[in-house]
Amino acid sequence: MHRLVVNTENEETKQMAEVEMRRFEKKATEYISAVENRLAMIQYKQFDNAEEIPELPEFPVFSQEFRSIFENIMKSREKSARVVPVFSLMKSPQSLK
């Protein structure tokens, strides 16, 4: 997330990243709580068989829109980082002598 914020100058994208992170953290906290709850239920033998254990909520993920934006920004930054100025590859006039 930090890489995205650092690699973009677009304020809307930065805000989207912050909102997306808050949403993800909330869902992750809920997921961890559900796992801990199920473990406690199992530990205290509240079920006769495994089929009675309630399903976990969906594992938290970033939205598809956010993942696409993140991927595009990171790819464009990688490409621009690989571009070496042509002048740096050319020999200086002194080295040609």
Protein backbone atom coordinates (compact mmCIF):
# COMPACT_ATOMS: atom_id res chain seq x y z
CA MET A 1 0.00 0.00 0.00
CA HIS A 2 2.81 2.35 0.92
CA ARG A 3 4.48 1.68 -2.46
CA LEU A 4 1.33 2.79 -4.26
CA VAL A 5 1.02 6.03 -2.31
CA VAL A 6 4.71 6.81 -2.86
CA ASN A 7 4.57 5.98 -6.57
CA THR A 8 1.56 8.09 -7.52
CA GLU A 9 0.95 11.80 -7.52
CA ASN A 10 -2.79 11.40 -8.07
CA GLU A 11 -4.60 12.49 -4.90
CA GLU A 12 -7.73 10.55 -5.82
CA THR A 13 -5.68 7.35 -6.04
CA LYS A 14 -4.04 8.08 -2.69
CA GLN A 15 -7.45 8.59 -1.07
CA MET A 16 -8.75 5.41 -2.66
CA ALA A 17 -5.76 3.53 -1.25
CA GLU A 18 -6.47 4.84 2.25
CA VAL A 19 -10.15 3.90 2.06
CA GLU A 20 -9.30 0.48 0.63
CA MET A 21 -6.78 -0.14 3.42
CA ARG A 22 -9.27 0.80 6.14
CA ARG A 23 -11.89 -1.50 4.57
CA PHE A 24 -9.37 -4.34 4.29
CA GLU A 25 -8.19 -3.92 7.91
CA LYS A 26 -11.81 -3.98 9.13
CA LYS A 27 -12.56 -7.17 7.16
CA ALA A 28 -9.30 -8.77 8.32
CA THR A 29 -10.14 -7.98 11.95
CA GLU A 30 -13.60 -9.50 11.51
CA TYR A 31 -12.08 -12.59 9.89
CA ILE A 32 -9.53 -13.07 12.68
CA SER A 33 -12.29 -12.67 15.25
CA ALA A 34 -14.39 -15.31 13.47
CA VAL A 35 -11.45 -17.74 13.40
CA GLU A 36 -10.79 -17.19 17.11
CA ASN A 37 -14.49 -17.67 17.83
CA ARG A 38 -14.61 -20.97 15.92
CA LEU A 39 -11.45 -22.17 17.67
CA ALA A 40 -12.94 -21.38 21.08
CA MET A 41 -16.14 -23.23 20.15
CA ILE A 42 -14.10 -26.26 19.08
CA GLN A 43 -11.91 -26.09 22.18
CA TYR A 44 -14.97 -26.10 24.46
CA LYS A 45 -16.54 -28.94 22.44
CA GLN A 46 -19.70 -27.11 21.48
CA PHE A 47 -20.20 -29.35 18.44
CA ASP A 48 -20.87 -33.04 18.03
CA ASN A 49 -19.30 -33.15 14.56
CA ALA A 50 -17.36 -30.91 12.17
CA GLU A 51 -20.40 -30.18 9.97
CA GLU A 52 -21.93 -28.16 12.83
CA ILE A 53 -19.08 -25.64 12.88
CA PRO A 54 -20.27 -22.41 11.23
CA GLU A 55 -18.46 -21.44 8.05
CA LEU A 56 -15.93 -18.65 8.17
CA PRO A 57 -16.65 -15.41 6.35
CA GLU A 58 -14.89 -14.83 3.06
CA PHE A 59 -11.18 -14.19 3.42
CA PRO A 60 -10.55 -10.43 3.02
CA VAL A 61 -9.13 -9.22 -0.29
CA PHE A 62 -8.62 -5.86 -1.92
CA SER A 63 -11.26 -4.89 -4.48
CA GLN A 64 -10.66 -5.78 -8.13
CA GLU A 65 -10.72 -2.08 -9.06
CA PHE A 66 -8.00 -1.32 -6.53
CA ARG A 67 -5.86 -4.29 -7.58
CA SER A 68 -6.05 -3.17 -11.22
CA ILE A 69 -5.02 0.38 -10.37
CA PHE A 70 -2.20 -0.88 -8.13
CA GLU A 71 -0.91 -3.22 -10.83
CA ASN A 72 -1.00 -0.51 -13.51
CA ILE A 73 0.84 2.03 -11.38
CA MET A 74 3.49 -0.47 -10.28
CA LYS A 75 4.03 -1.68 -13.85
CA SER A 76 4.40 1.86 -15.18
CA ARG A 77 6.90 2.68 -12.42
CA GLU A 78 8.91 -0.46 -13.13
CA LYS A 79 9.08 0.39 -16.82
CA SER A 80 10.18 3.95 -16.17
CA ALA A 81 12.81 2.73 -13.69
CA ARG A 82 14.26 0.42 -16.37
CA VAL A 83 14.66 3.19 -18.93
CA VAL A 84 18.29 4.25 -19.02
CA PRO A 85 18.97 7.63 -20.57
CA VAL A 86 20.56 7.18 -23.99
CA PHE A 87 23.22 9.76 -23.21
CA SER A 88 24.52 7.70 -20.31
CA LEU A 89 25.13 4.80 -22.69
CA MET A 90 27.05 6.92 -25.17
CA LYS A 91 30.78 7.34 -24.79
CA SER A 92 32.03 10.78 -24.04
CA PRO A 93 34.09 12.52 -26.75
CA GLN A 94 37.19 12.22 -24.55
CA SER A 95 36.86 8.44 -24.29
CA LEU A 96 36.69 8.11 -28.07
CA LYS A 97 40.23 9.49 -28.54
